[in-house]
Each structure stands twice: as C-alpha cells, then as structure tokens.
Amino acid sequence: METKNYYDILGVSVKASLDEITAAKNTLAKKYHPDANMKNGIDTTGQMQEILEAYSVLSDTTKRAEYDRSISGRKPVLQTYDLKNEAPQDTEDSGFVVYWKASGKLYDIIAESDELIRQKHAESRLAQLAMQALPYIILLREAQIPERYWLPDIMNWLLFTWFKNRNYTVAYLLSLYDEHTKKDMTMSAGLKLKSRSRKYEHSVKRLMKY
C-alpha cells in the first residue's frame, strides 16, 4: 500500500466527509467481498483488503491527518477494480461476513435514527427503524459479539483479520482485537474509540425504546 492513494481506492475526494467515505466503502464492499465473487471464480480478497485498509485510515481523524501529511505532494495513483462478471446480488454469505454485513446495515439505521431524534413528529419512523434494526441486533447478540464491538471501524478490523484465517472463531477474533488495542493503539486513540463506541451503544439502546 506504499504507492496507492487511499482516496483513489475508495473513489472519493481528498475533501470527502466521513459519511461519503463510509458510503463509498459500503458500496465497494458489497461488490468485492470475496464470498460473493468466489462463485464466479474471481478472487477479490486483495481488493477487499485494500478497501478496508483505506477505510480504516480515512475514517479515523488522527490516522487520516497523518496520512494526508505523508502523501502531500505525491502524485496520486488511481486504483480501479474491473470484474468481467458481476457477482449475483443474492449470493449466500458465510462466516464473519454475515455479522459484518449485519453491523453495517445496523449502522445505517442508527445513523438515520440519530438524525430523526432531533426532529419533532418522527416517532412513527423511529418505530419503523427500531423494527428494522431488531433482526441485526439479535443476530449480533446471538453470535456473542458484545455491543462495544459493533462500531464499523472495529467490525472492519475483525473482518480483515478473519479474511487472513477463516477458521478463526468469533471469540478468538474478539480476543485478537482486544490484544491489538492494547499493543498497537496509543492511549489517546484508544480513549477516542471507546468514547465513540459508548456513544454508538447509547444510540442503539435509545432507538430500541421506540
């Protein structure tokens, strides 16, 4: 990843907002996750890893600032993905991808609910969103993935690690992530992530009251 521009990988502007970066990641991930394309005989693991790596940096304020400084003055390298055959949309998912997709759909629901909470007369729509969110919440809880891991940044890390060894259990993946936060994260980054995770948990619980 030394010569590839993360912005070009996701197809976004260097001035893109977090919402735009997240939307771009979600669109690419649906198209290129390996389980969908393997049935067409196309291995997109490398592309998927690049997408998740780019998102993990650009979605983090501190990492993004450091990255922007590192590429300052460097000529961007356009990265595009071209599949000859589009993967079918109804391809059955397997492994950790199931939980990752559920967390992504839940995040979109929570993002909408956070906006509606501040508006009047939105109770009906919030109730609908709560019903939509419930199956994903149940799935993640039944998989024994605690709420503090549901944040997209964390679920992306877990998926990226699972791609390396698909025999990893959920419990082992979570233990690897906990070890990663202790060894590889600065105290400041860890505190910021915990704060975001707690805020997200609060948003989930708030929506489920409707």
N, C-alpha and C. Protein backbone atom coordinates (compact mmCIF):
# COMPACT_ATOMS: atom_id res chain seq x y z
N MET A 1 0.81 -1.20 0.00
CA MET A 1 0.00 0.00 0.00
C MET A 1 0.85 1.27 0.00
N GLU A 2 2.16 1.16 -0.31
CA GLU A 2 3.04 2.31 -0.19
C GLU A 2 2.78 3.34 -1.30
N THR A 3 2.37 2.90 -2.50
CA THR A 3 2.25 3.83 -3.61
C THR A 3 0.80 4.07 -4.01
N LYS A 4 -0.13 3.44 -3.36
CA LYS A 4 -1.53 3.60 -3.73
C LYS A 4 -2.21 4.64 -2.84
N ASN A 5 -3.00 5.47 -3.47
CA ASN A 5 -3.69 6.53 -2.76
C ASN A 5 -5.02 6.00 -2.22
N TYR A 6 -5.22 6.09 -0.92
CA TYR A 6 -6.43 5.57 -0.30
C TYR A 6 -7.69 6.26 -0.83
N TYR A 7 -7.58 7.53 -1.15
CA TYR A 7 -8.74 8.26 -1.67
C TYR A 7 -9.16 7.69 -3.03
N ASP A 8 -8.17 7.35 -3.86
CA ASP A 8 -8.47 6.79 -5.16
C ASP A 8 -9.03 5.37 -5.04
N ILE A 9 -8.55 4.63 -4.06
CA ILE A 9 -9.06 3.27 -3.85
C ILE A 9 -10.55 3.30 -3.57
N LEU A 10 -10.97 4.27 -2.74
CA LEU A 10 -12.39 4.39 -2.40
C LEU A 10 -13.15 5.24 -3.41
N GLY A 11 -12.43 5.93 -4.28
CA GLY A 11 -13.08 6.76 -5.27
C GLY A 11 -13.72 8.01 -4.71
N VAL A 12 -13.06 8.61 -3.72
CA VAL A 12 -13.60 9.82 -3.09
C VAL A 12 -12.59 10.95 -3.18
N SER A 13 -13.08 12.17 -2.97
CA SER A 13 -12.23 13.36 -2.98
C SER A 13 -11.41 13.42 -1.69
N VAL A 14 -10.29 14.12 -1.75
CA VAL A 14 -9.46 14.31 -0.56
C VAL A 14 -10.20 15.15 0.48
N LYS A 15 -11.27 15.82 0.06
CA LYS A 15 -12.08 16.62 0.97
C LYS A 15 -13.36 15.90 1.38
N ALA A 16 -13.46 14.63 1.08
CA ALA A 16 -14.68 13.86 1.37
C ALA A 16 -14.97 13.83 2.86
N SER A 17 -16.25 13.87 3.19
CA SER A 17 -16.68 13.77 4.58
C SER A 17 -16.66 12.31 5.02
N LEU A 18 -16.79 12.07 6.33
CA LEU A 18 -16.81 10.70 6.84
C LEU A 18 -17.99 9.94 6.26
N ASP A 19 -19.13 10.60 6.12
CA ASP A 19 -20.31 9.93 5.55
C ASP A 19 -20.05 9.50 4.12
N GLU A 20 -19.38 10.34 3.34
CA GLU A 20 -19.07 10.00 1.95
C GLU A 20 -18.08 8.85 1.88
N ILE A 21 -17.11 8.85 2.78
CA ILE A 21 -16.11 7.78 2.82
C ILE A 21 -16.76 6.46 3.21
N THR A 22 -17.65 6.52 4.20
CA THR A 22 -18.35 5.32 4.64
C THR A 22 -19.25 4.77 3.54
N ALA A 23 -19.96 5.65 2.87
CA ALA A 23 -20.85 5.22 1.78
C ALA A 23 -20.06 4.56 0.66
N ALA A 24 -18.91 5.13 0.33
CA ALA A 24 -18.07 4.57 -0.72
C ALA A 24 -17.55 3.19 -0.32
N LYS A 25 -17.13 3.08 0.93
CA LYS A 25 -16.65 1.78 1.42
C LYS A 25 -17.74 0.73 1.36
N ASN A 26 -18.94 1.09 1.80
CA ASN A 26 -20.05 0.13 1.81
C ASN A 26 -20.41 -0.33 0.40
N THR A 27 -20.40 0.60 -0.55
CA THR A 27 -20.72 0.25 -1.93
C THR A 27 -19.69 -0.70 -2.52
N LEU A 28 -18.41 -0.40 -2.30
CA LEU A 28 -17.34 -1.26 -2.81
C LEU A 28 -17.33 -2.62 -2.12
N ALA A 29 -17.58 -2.62 -0.82
CA ALA A 29 -17.54 -3.86 -0.06
C ALA A 29 -18.62 -4.83 -0.51
N LYS A 30 -19.80 -4.30 -0.82
CA LYS A 30 -20.89 -5.17 -1.29
C LYS A 30 -20.51 -5.84 -2.62
N LYS A 31 -19.77 -5.13 -3.42
CA LYS A 31 -19.42 -5.63 -4.75
C LYS A 31 -18.22 -6.55 -4.76
N TYR A 32 -17.27 -6.31 -3.84
CA TYR A 32 -16.00 -7.01 -3.93
C TYR A 32 -15.70 -7.97 -2.78
N HIS A 33 -16.65 -8.20 -1.86
CA HIS A 33 -16.27 -9.13 -0.80
C HIS A 33 -16.11 -10.53 -1.40
N PRO A 34 -15.07 -11.25 -1.03
CA PRO A 34 -14.67 -12.50 -1.69
C PRO A 34 -15.75 -13.56 -1.75
N ASP A 35 -16.58 -13.69 -0.73
CA ASP A 35 -17.59 -14.74 -0.74
C ASP A 35 -18.55 -14.58 -1.90
N ALA A 36 -18.81 -13.34 -2.31
CA ALA A 36 -19.74 -13.11 -3.42
C ALA A 36 -19.09 -13.46 -4.76
N ASN A 37 -17.82 -13.12 -4.92
CA ASN A 37 -17.16 -13.28 -6.21
C ASN A 37 -16.51 -14.63 -6.43
N MET A 38 -16.24 -15.37 -5.35
CA MET A 38 -15.57 -16.65 -5.49
C MET A 38 -16.37 -17.62 -6.34
N LYS A 39 -17.71 -17.51 -6.27
CA LYS A 39 -18.55 -18.42 -7.04
C LYS A 39 -18.47 -18.14 -8.54
N ASN A 40 -17.95 -16.99 -8.89
CA ASN A 40 -17.70 -16.68 -10.29
C ASN A 40 -16.25 -16.99 -10.67
N GLY A 41 -15.52 -17.58 -9.74
CA GLY A 41 -14.13 -17.92 -10.00
C GLY A 41 -13.19 -16.74 -9.92
N ILE A 42 -13.62 -15.67 -9.22
CA ILE A 42 -12.80 -14.47 -9.11
C ILE A 42 -12.42 -14.24 -7.66
N ASP A 43 -11.13 -14.16 -7.39
CA ASP A 43 -10.66 -13.94 -6.02
C ASP A 43 -10.46 -12.45 -5.80
N THR A 44 -11.35 -11.83 -5.02
CA THR A 44 -11.26 -10.39 -4.77
C THR A 44 -10.78 -10.09 -3.35
N THR A 45 -10.11 -11.07 -2.72
CA THR A 45 -9.62 -10.86 -1.36
C THR A 45 -8.69 -9.66 -1.29
N GLY A 46 -7.79 -9.55 -2.28
CA GLY A 46 -6.84 -8.44 -2.28
C GLY A 46 -7.53 -7.08 -2.37
N GLN A 47 -8.52 -6.99 -3.26
CA GLN A 47 -9.25 -5.73 -3.39
C GLN A 47 -9.99 -5.40 -2.11
N MET A 48 -10.60 -6.42 -1.49
CA MET A 48 -11.36 -6.19 -0.27
C MET A 48 -10.45 -5.70 0.85
N GLN A 49 -9.28 -6.26 0.94
CA GLN A 49 -8.33 -5.85 1.97
C GLN A 49 -7.89 -4.41 1.74
N GLU A 50 -7.70 -4.03 0.48
CA GLU A 50 -7.31 -2.65 0.17
C GLU A 50 -8.43 -1.68 0.56
N ILE A 51 -9.67 -2.06 0.27
CA ILE A 51 -10.82 -1.22 0.59
C ILE A 51 -10.90 -1.00 2.10
N LEU A 52 -10.79 -2.09 2.87
CA LEU A 52 -10.90 -1.99 4.32
C LEU A 52 -9.72 -1.23 4.92
N GLU A 53 -8.54 -1.43 4.35
CA GLU A 53 -7.36 -0.72 4.85
C GLU A 53 -7.50 0.78 4.61
N ALA A 54 -7.96 1.14 3.40
CA ALA A 54 -8.16 2.56 3.08
C ALA A 54 -9.20 3.17 4.01
N TYR A 55 -10.28 2.45 4.24
CA TYR A 55 -11.33 2.98 5.11
C TYR A 55 -10.86 3.12 6.55
N SER A 56 -10.08 2.15 7.02
CA SER A 56 -9.62 2.20 8.41
C SER A 56 -8.77 3.43 8.68
N VAL A 57 -8.07 3.91 7.67
CA VAL A 57 -7.23 5.10 7.82
C VAL A 57 -8.05 6.37 7.63
N LEU A 58 -8.83 6.43 6.56
CA LEU A 58 -9.55 7.67 6.24
C LEU A 58 -10.73 7.93 7.16
N SER A 59 -11.21 6.92 7.85
CA SER A 59 -12.34 7.13 8.77
C SER A 59 -11.88 7.54 10.16
N ASP A 60 -10.58 7.49 10.39
CA ASP A 60 -10.02 7.87 11.69
C ASP A 60 -9.36 9.25 11.54
N THR A 61 -9.82 10.21 12.31
CA THR A 61 -9.34 11.59 12.16
C THR A 61 -7.82 11.70 12.29
N THR A 62 -7.27 11.06 13.32
CA THR A 62 -5.82 11.14 13.55
C THR A 62 -5.04 10.46 12.45
N LYS A 63 -5.46 9.23 12.10
CA LYS A 63 -4.76 8.48 11.04
C LYS A 63 -4.86 9.20 9.71
N ARG A 64 -6.03 9.79 9.45
CA ARG A 64 -6.22 10.49 8.17
C ARG A 64 -5.31 11.71 8.08
N ALA A 65 -5.18 12.45 9.16
CA ALA A 65 -4.32 13.63 9.16
C ALA A 65 -2.87 13.23 8.91
N GLU A 66 -2.43 12.15 9.55
CA GLU A 66 -1.07 11.67 9.36
C GLU A 66 -0.86 11.20 7.92
N TYR A 67 -1.87 10.51 7.39
CA TYR A 67 -1.78 10.01 6.02
C TYR A 67 -1.73 11.16 5.02
N ASP A 68 -2.57 12.17 5.25
CA ASP A 68 -2.58 13.32 4.35
C ASP A 68 -1.21 13.99 4.32
N ARG A 69 -0.57 14.06 5.48
CA ARG A 69 0.76 14.66 5.52
C ARG A 69 1.76 13.79 4.75
N SER A 70 1.59 12.49 4.85
CA SER A 70 2.54 11.56 4.22
C SER A 70 2.44 11.58 2.70
N ILE A 71 1.24 11.89 2.16
CA ILE A 71 1.07 11.89 0.71
C ILE A 71 1.12 13.29 0.12
N SER A 72 1.37 14.27 0.95
CA SER A 72 1.43 15.65 0.46
C SER A 72 2.49 15.78 -0.62
N GLY A 73 2.07 16.24 -1.79
CA GLY A 73 3.00 16.42 -2.89
C GLY A 73 3.23 15.18 -3.72
N ARG A 74 2.66 14.05 -3.29
CA ARG A 74 2.82 12.82 -4.05
C ARG A 74 1.75 12.73 -5.12
N LYS A 75 2.12 12.35 -6.32
CA LYS A 75 1.17 12.20 -7.41
C LYS A 75 0.25 11.03 -7.12
N PRO A 76 -1.08 11.24 -7.14
CA PRO A 76 -2.00 10.16 -6.83
C PRO A 76 -1.96 9.04 -7.86
N VAL A 77 -2.15 7.82 -7.39
CA VAL A 77 -2.19 6.66 -8.26
C VAL A 77 -3.61 6.12 -8.25
N LEU A 78 -4.26 6.17 -9.41
CA LEU A 78 -5.65 5.75 -9.49
C LEU A 78 -5.75 4.24 -9.41
N GLN A 79 -6.58 3.76 -8.51
CA GLN A 79 -6.80 2.33 -8.35
C GLN A 79 -8.25 2.02 -8.71
N THR A 80 -8.45 1.20 -9.72
CA THR A 80 -9.81 0.82 -10.09
C THR A 80 -9.92 -0.69 -10.11
N TYR A 81 -11.13 -1.17 -9.93
CA TYR A 81 -11.39 -2.60 -9.93
C TYR A 81 -12.32 -2.91 -11.10
N ASP A 82 -11.96 -3.88 -11.91
CA ASP A 82 -12.76 -4.21 -13.08
C ASP A 82 -13.02 -5.70 -13.11
N LEU A 83 -14.23 -6.10 -12.76
CA LEU A 83 -14.61 -7.50 -12.83
C LEU A 83 -15.32 -7.76 -14.14
N LYS A 84 -14.95 -8.82 -14.83
CA LYS A 84 -15.62 -9.13 -16.10
C LYS A 84 -17.06 -9.57 -15.85
N ASN A 85 -17.28 -10.24 -14.74
CA ASN A 85 -18.61 -10.72 -14.43
C ASN A 85 -19.07 -10.16 -13.10
N GLU A 86 -20.22 -9.54 -13.08
CA GLU A 86 -20.77 -9.02 -11.84
C GLU A 86 -21.23 -10.18 -10.97
N ALA A 87 -20.93 -10.11 -9.68
CA ALA A 87 -21.37 -11.17 -8.77
C ALA A 87 -22.87 -11.04 -8.53
N PRO A 88 -23.59 -12.15 -8.41
CA PRO A 88 -25.02 -12.09 -8.15
C PRO A 88 -25.31 -11.47 -6.81
N GLN A 89 -26.37 -10.67 -6.73
CA GLN A 89 -26.70 -9.97 -5.51
C GLN A 89 -27.24 -10.89 -4.42
N ASP A 90 -27.76 -12.04 -4.83
CA ASP A 90 -28.36 -12.94 -3.83
C ASP A 90 -27.40 -14.03 -3.37
N THR A 91 -26.09 -13.83 -3.59
CA THR A 91 -25.11 -14.82 -3.15
C THR A 91 -25.17 -15.00 -1.65
N GLU A 92 -25.18 -16.24 -1.20
CA GLU A 92 -25.26 -16.51 0.23
C GLU A 92 -23.95 -16.17 0.91
N ASP A 93 -24.02 -15.43 1.99
CA ASP A 93 -22.82 -15.06 2.75
C ASP A 93 -22.49 -16.16 3.74
N SER A 94 -21.28 -16.14 4.20
CA SER A 94 -20.87 -17.14 5.17
C SER A 94 -19.84 -16.55 6.11
N GLY A 95 -19.60 -17.25 7.23
CA GLY A 95 -18.58 -16.82 8.17
C GLY A 95 -18.85 -15.45 8.76
N PHE A 96 -17.78 -14.76 9.07
CA PHE A 96 -17.90 -13.47 9.74
C PHE A 96 -18.53 -12.41 8.86
N VAL A 97 -18.54 -12.64 7.55
CA VAL A 97 -19.16 -11.67 6.63
C VAL A 97 -20.61 -11.41 7.01
N VAL A 98 -21.30 -12.45 7.49
CA VAL A 98 -22.71 -12.31 7.88
C VAL A 98 -22.85 -11.26 8.97
N TYR A 99 -21.98 -11.33 9.98
CA TYR A 99 -22.07 -10.39 11.10
C TYR A 99 -21.60 -9.00 10.69
N TRP A 100 -20.59 -8.96 9.82
CA TRP A 100 -20.09 -7.68 9.34
C TRP A 100 -21.16 -6.94 8.55
N LYS A 101 -21.86 -7.66 7.68
CA LYS A 101 -22.92 -7.01 6.90
C LYS A 101 -24.06 -6.56 7.80
N ALA A 102 -24.38 -7.37 8.80
CA ALA A 102 -25.45 -7.00 9.73
C ALA A 102 -25.08 -5.73 10.48
N SER A 103 -23.83 -5.63 10.91
CA SER A 103 -23.40 -4.44 11.64
C SER A 103 -23.43 -3.22 10.75
N GLY A 104 -23.10 -3.39 9.45
CA GLY A 104 -23.13 -2.27 8.53
C GLY A 104 -24.54 -1.77 8.29
N LYS A 105 -25.48 -2.69 8.13
CA LYS A 105 -26.88 -2.30 7.94
C LYS A 105 -27.43 -1.64 9.20
N LEU A 106 -27.03 -2.18 10.35
CA LEU A 106 -27.47 -1.58 11.61
C LEU A 106 -26.92 -0.16 11.75
N TYR A 107 -25.68 0.03 11.35
CA TYR A 107 -25.07 1.36 11.45
C TYR A 107 -25.84 2.38 10.62
N ASP A 108 -26.25 1.98 9.41
CA ASP A 108 -27.01 2.89 8.56
C ASP A 108 -28.34 3.27 9.21
N ILE A 109 -28.98 2.29 9.85
CA ILE A 109 -30.25 2.54 10.54
C ILE A 109 -30.04 3.50 11.70
N ILE A 110 -28.99 3.26 12.48
CA ILE A 110 -28.72 4.10 13.64
C ILE A 110 -28.38 5.53 13.20
N ALA A 111 -27.64 5.65 12.10
CA ALA A 111 -27.29 6.98 11.59
C ALA A 111 -28.56 7.77 11.25
N GLU A 112 -29.53 7.10 10.62
CA GLU A 112 -30.78 7.78 10.30
C GLU A 112 -31.56 8.14 11.57
N SER A 113 -31.56 7.21 12.53
CA SER A 113 -32.31 7.47 13.77
C SER A 113 -31.69 8.63 14.55
N ASP A 114 -30.38 8.75 14.53
CA ASP A 114 -29.72 9.85 15.23
C ASP A 114 -30.17 11.20 14.68
N GLU A 115 -30.39 11.26 13.36
CA GLU A 115 -30.87 12.49 12.75
C GLU A 115 -32.33 12.76 13.13
N LEU A 116 -33.14 11.72 13.16
CA LEU A 116 -34.56 11.88 13.44
C LEU A 116 -34.84 12.23 14.89
N ILE A 117 -33.98 11.77 15.79
CA ILE A 117 -34.18 12.02 17.22
C ILE A 117 -34.34 13.52 17.49
N ARG A 118 -33.62 14.32 16.71
CA ARG A 118 -33.63 15.77 16.93
C ARG A 118 -34.82 16.46 16.26
N GLN A 119 -35.64 15.67 15.58
CA GLN A 119 -36.78 16.25 14.88
C GLN A 119 -38.09 15.93 15.60
N LYS A 120 -39.06 16.79 15.41
CA LYS A 120 -40.37 16.57 16.01
C LYS A 120 -41.21 15.66 15.11
N HIS A 121 -42.15 14.97 15.72
CA HIS A 121 -43.11 14.14 15.00
C HIS A 121 -42.42 13.06 14.16
N ALA A 122 -41.34 12.48 14.68
CA ALA A 122 -40.62 11.43 13.96
C ALA A 122 -40.81 10.07 14.63
N GLU A 123 -41.73 9.99 15.60
CA GLU A 123 -41.90 8.76 16.36
C GLU A 123 -42.26 7.56 15.49
N SER A 124 -43.11 7.78 14.50
CA SER A 124 -43.54 6.69 13.64
C SER A 124 -42.38 6.09 12.86
N ARG A 125 -41.57 6.96 12.27
CA ARG A 125 -40.41 6.49 11.50
C ARG A 125 -39.39 5.83 12.42
N LEU A 126 -39.21 6.37 13.60
CA LEU A 126 -38.26 5.78 14.55
C LEU A 126 -38.72 4.38 14.97
N ALA A 127 -40.02 4.21 15.11
CA ALA A 127 -40.55 2.89 15.45
C ALA A 127 -40.29 1.90 14.32
N GLN A 128 -40.41 2.36 13.08
CA GLN A 128 -40.11 1.51 11.92
C GLN A 128 -38.63 1.13 11.91
N LEU A 129 -37.79 2.11 12.18
CA LEU A 129 -36.35 1.84 12.21
C LEU A 129 -35.98 0.86 13.31
N ALA A 130 -36.65 0.97 14.44
CA ALA A 130 -36.40 0.04 15.55
C ALA A 130 -36.72 -1.39 15.14
N MET A 131 -37.81 -1.56 14.40
CA MET A 131 -38.19 -2.89 13.92
C MET A 131 -37.18 -3.41 12.90
N GLN A 132 -36.67 -2.51 12.06
CA GLN A 132 -35.67 -2.91 11.07
C GLN A 132 -34.35 -3.30 11.73
N ALA A 133 -34.02 -2.60 12.82
CA ALA A 133 -32.75 -2.84 13.50
C ALA A 133 -32.76 -4.13 14.31
N LEU A 134 -33.93 -4.52 14.79
CA LEU A 134 -34.02 -5.65 15.72
C LEU A 134 -33.40 -6.94 15.21
N PRO A 135 -33.66 -7.38 13.97
CA PRO A 135 -33.05 -8.63 13.50
C PRO A 135 -31.52 -8.60 13.50
N TYR A 136 -30.95 -7.45 13.17
CA TYR A 136 -29.48 -7.34 13.15
C TYR A 136 -28.92 -7.36 14.57
N ILE A 137 -29.63 -6.72 15.48
CA ILE A 137 -29.21 -6.72 16.88
C ILE A 137 -29.25 -8.14 17.45
N ILE A 138 -30.33 -8.85 17.16
CA ILE A 138 -30.47 -10.22 17.64
C ILE A 138 -29.37 -11.11 17.06
N LEU A 139 -29.09 -10.94 15.76
CA LEU A 139 -28.05 -11.75 15.11
C LEU A 139 -26.69 -11.53 15.76
N LEU A 140 -26.34 -10.27 15.99
CA LEU A 140 -25.04 -9.96 16.58
C LEU A 140 -24.95 -10.46 18.02
N ARG A 141 -26.04 -10.34 18.75
CA ARG A 141 -26.04 -10.82 20.13
C ARG A 141 -25.96 -12.34 20.20
N GLU A 142 -26.67 -13.01 19.30
CA GLU A 142 -26.63 -14.47 19.28
C GLU A 142 -25.25 -14.98 18.88
N ALA A 143 -24.53 -14.17 18.11
CA ALA A 143 -23.15 -14.52 17.74
C ALA A 143 -22.18 -14.23 18.87
N GLN A 144 -22.72 -13.70 19.99
CA GLN A 144 -21.93 -13.35 21.16
C GLN A 144 -20.87 -12.29 20.84
N ILE A 145 -21.32 -11.30 20.06
CA ILE A 145 -20.49 -10.13 19.78
C ILE A 145 -21.06 -8.98 20.60
N PRO A 146 -20.41 -8.60 21.68
CA PRO A 146 -20.92 -7.52 22.53
C PRO A 146 -21.06 -6.20 21.78
N GLU A 147 -21.95 -5.35 22.27
CA GLU A 147 -22.23 -4.08 21.61
C GLU A 147 -21.01 -3.21 21.40
N ARG A 148 -20.04 -3.31 22.29
CA ARG A 148 -18.88 -2.43 22.18
C ARG A 148 -18.03 -2.72 20.93
N TYR A 149 -18.30 -3.85 20.26
CA TYR A 149 -17.56 -4.18 19.04
C TYR A 149 -18.34 -3.84 17.77
N TRP A 150 -19.54 -3.32 17.88
CA TRP A 150 -20.39 -3.13 16.72
C TRP A 150 -20.02 -1.95 15.85
N LEU A 151 -19.19 -1.06 16.33
CA LEU A 151 -18.79 0.11 15.56
C LEU A 151 -18.12 -0.34 14.25
N PRO A 152 -18.42 0.29 13.11
CA PRO A 152 -17.86 -0.14 11.83
C PRO A 152 -16.34 -0.28 11.81
N ASP A 153 -15.62 0.66 12.42
CA ASP A 153 -14.16 0.56 12.44
C ASP A 153 -13.69 -0.75 13.05
N ILE A 154 -14.36 -1.16 14.12
CA ILE A 154 -13.98 -2.39 14.81
C ILE A 154 -14.38 -3.61 13.99
N MET A 155 -15.60 -3.60 13.46
CA MET A 155 -16.07 -4.74 12.66
C MET A 155 -15.23 -4.89 11.40
N ASN A 156 -14.76 -3.78 10.83
CA ASN A 156 -13.88 -3.86 9.66
C ASN A 156 -12.56 -4.54 10.00
N TRP A 157 -12.01 -4.19 11.16
CA TRP A 157 -10.76 -4.81 11.60
C TRP A 157 -10.97 -6.31 11.79
N LEU A 158 -12.08 -6.67 12.41
CA LEU A 158 -12.38 -8.08 12.64
C LEU A 158 -12.53 -8.84 11.32
N LEU A 159 -13.22 -8.23 10.36
CA LEU A 159 -13.40 -8.88 9.07
C LEU A 159 -12.07 -9.04 8.35
N PHE A 160 -11.26 -7.99 8.37
CA PHE A 160 -9.95 -8.04 7.73
C PHE A 160 -9.10 -9.18 8.32
N THR A 161 -9.16 -9.32 9.64
CA THR A 161 -8.40 -10.38 10.31
C THR A 161 -8.97 -11.75 9.98
N TRP A 162 -10.28 -11.85 9.90
CA TRP A 162 -10.92 -13.12 9.56
C TRP A 162 -10.56 -13.57 8.15
N PHE A 163 -10.41 -12.61 7.23
CA PHE A 163 -10.02 -12.95 5.86
C PHE A 163 -8.67 -13.67 5.84
N LYS A 164 -7.81 -13.36 6.79
CA LYS A 164 -6.49 -13.97 6.83
C LYS A 164 -6.56 -15.44 7.24
N ASN A 165 -7.55 -15.75 8.08
CA ASN A 165 -7.73 -17.14 8.52
C ASN A 165 -9.19 -17.36 8.84
N ARG A 166 -9.90 -17.99 7.94
CA ARG A 166 -11.34 -18.14 8.09
C ARG A 166 -11.75 -19.22 9.08
N ASN A 167 -10.77 -19.82 9.71
CA ASN A 167 -11.06 -20.78 10.77
C ASN A 167 -11.16 -20.12 12.15
N TYR A 168 -10.83 -18.82 12.20
CA TYR A 168 -10.92 -18.12 13.48
C TYR A 168 -12.38 -18.07 13.95
N THR A 169 -12.59 -18.37 15.21
CA THR A 169 -13.92 -18.24 15.79
C THR A 169 -14.17 -16.78 16.17
N VAL A 170 -15.43 -16.45 16.42
CA VAL A 170 -15.76 -15.09 16.83
C VAL A 170 -15.05 -14.74 18.12
N ALA A 171 -15.07 -15.65 19.07
CA ALA A 171 -14.44 -15.39 20.36
C ALA A 171 -12.94 -15.11 20.20
N TYR A 172 -12.28 -15.87 19.32
CA TYR A 172 -10.85 -15.67 19.12
C TYR A 172 -10.58 -14.34 18.41
N LEU A 173 -11.44 -13.99 17.44
CA LEU A 173 -11.29 -12.71 16.76
C LEU A 173 -11.38 -11.55 17.74
N LEU A 174 -12.34 -11.64 18.65
CA LEU A 174 -12.51 -10.58 19.64
C LEU A 174 -11.30 -10.48 20.55
N SER A 175 -10.74 -11.63 20.89
CA SER A 175 -9.55 -11.61 21.75
C SER A 175 -8.36 -11.00 21.01
N LEU A 176 -8.26 -11.27 19.71
CA LEU A 176 -7.20 -10.66 18.92
C LEU A 176 -7.36 -9.16 18.84
N TYR A 177 -8.61 -8.71 18.71
CA TYR A 177 -8.84 -7.27 18.65
C TYR A 177 -8.48 -6.61 19.98
N ASP A 178 -8.86 -7.22 21.08
CA ASP A 178 -8.52 -6.66 22.39
C ASP A 178 -7.01 -6.55 22.56
N GLU A 179 -6.31 -7.57 22.08
CA GLU A 179 -4.84 -7.55 22.16
C GLU A 179 -4.28 -6.44 21.27
N HIS A 180 -4.91 -6.27 20.10
CA HIS A 180 -4.49 -5.22 19.17
C HIS A 180 -4.64 -3.83 19.80
N THR A 181 -5.74 -3.58 20.49
CA THR A 181 -5.96 -2.26 21.09
C THR A 181 -4.94 -1.97 22.18
N LYS A 182 -4.51 -3.02 22.87
CA LYS A 182 -3.53 -2.83 23.95
C LYS A 182 -2.12 -2.61 23.42
N LYS A 183 -1.78 -3.33 22.35
CA LYS A 183 -0.40 -3.29 21.85
C LYS A 183 -0.16 -2.23 20.79
N ASP A 184 -1.15 -2.03 19.92
CA ASP A 184 -0.92 -1.21 18.74
C ASP A 184 -1.55 0.18 18.78
N MET A 185 -2.46 0.43 19.72
CA MET A 185 -3.13 1.72 19.79
C MET A 185 -2.50 2.60 20.85
N THR A 186 -2.41 3.89 20.54
CA THR A 186 -1.97 4.83 21.57
C THR A 186 -3.10 5.00 22.58
N MET A 187 -2.77 5.50 23.74
CA MET A 187 -3.80 5.70 24.76
C MET A 187 -4.87 6.67 24.27
N SER A 188 -4.44 7.72 23.57
CA SER A 188 -5.37 8.72 23.07
C SER A 188 -6.34 8.11 22.06
N ALA A 189 -5.80 7.32 21.12
CA ALA A 189 -6.64 6.69 20.11
C ALA A 189 -7.61 5.70 20.75
N GLY A 190 -7.13 4.97 21.74
CA GLY A 190 -7.98 4.01 22.43
C GLY A 190 -9.13 4.68 23.15
N LEU A 191 -8.84 5.80 23.81
CA LEU A 191 -9.89 6.53 24.53
C LEU A 191 -10.93 7.11 23.57
N LYS A 192 -10.47 7.61 22.43
CA LYS A 192 -11.40 8.16 21.44
C LYS A 192 -12.30 7.08 20.89
N LEU A 193 -11.73 5.90 20.64
CA LEU A 193 -12.51 4.80 20.11
C LEU A 193 -13.54 4.32 21.13
N LYS A 194 -13.14 4.25 22.39
CA LYS A 194 -14.08 3.84 23.44
C LYS A 194 -15.22 4.84 23.56
N SER A 195 -14.90 6.12 23.43
CA SER A 195 -15.92 7.15 23.52
C SER A 195 -16.92 7.01 22.38
N ARG A 196 -16.42 6.78 21.17
CA ARG A 196 -17.31 6.60 20.02
C ARG A 196 -18.15 5.35 20.18
N SER A 197 -17.53 4.29 20.71
CA SER A 197 -18.25 3.04 20.89
C SER A 197 -19.37 3.19 21.91
N ARG A 198 -19.09 3.89 23.00
CA ARG A 198 -20.13 4.12 24.03
C ARG A 198 -21.27 4.96 23.46
N LYS A 199 -20.92 5.96 22.66
CA LYS A 199 -21.94 6.82 22.05
C LYS A 199 -22.81 6.00 21.11
N TYR A 200 -22.19 5.11 20.37
CA TYR A 200 -22.95 4.27 19.44
C TYR A 200 -23.86 3.31 20.20
N GLU A 201 -23.36 2.71 21.26
CA GLU A 201 -24.18 1.83 22.10
C GLU A 201 -25.40 2.58 22.63
N HIS A 202 -25.18 3.80 23.05
CA HIS A 202 -26.28 4.63 23.57
C HIS A 202 -27.32 4.88 22.49
N SER A 203 -26.86 5.13 21.25
CA SER A 203 -27.79 5.37 20.15
C SER A 203 -28.63 4.13 19.85
N VAL A 204 -28.00 2.96 19.93
CA VAL A 204 -28.72 1.71 19.69
C VAL A 204 -29.80 1.51 20.75
N LYS A 205 -29.42 1.67 22.01
CA LYS A 205 -30.37 1.48 23.09
C LYS A 205 -31.51 2.51 23.04
N ARG A 206 -31.16 3.74 22.65
CA ARG A 206 -32.18 4.79 22.54
C ARG A 206 -33.20 4.46 21.46
N LEU A 207 -32.73 3.96 20.32
CA LEU A 207 -33.66 3.61 19.24
C LEU A 207 -34.59 2.49 19.65
N MET A 208 -34.06 1.51 20.39
CA MET A 208 -34.86 0.35 20.74
C MET A 208 -35.94 0.65 21.76
N LYS A 209 -36.00 1.87 22.26
CA LYS A 209 -37.07 2.26 23.17
C LYS A 209 -38.36 2.61 22.43
N TYR A 210 -38.23 2.79 21.09
CA TYR A 210 -39.41 3.17 20.31
C TYR A 210 -40.21 1.94 19.89
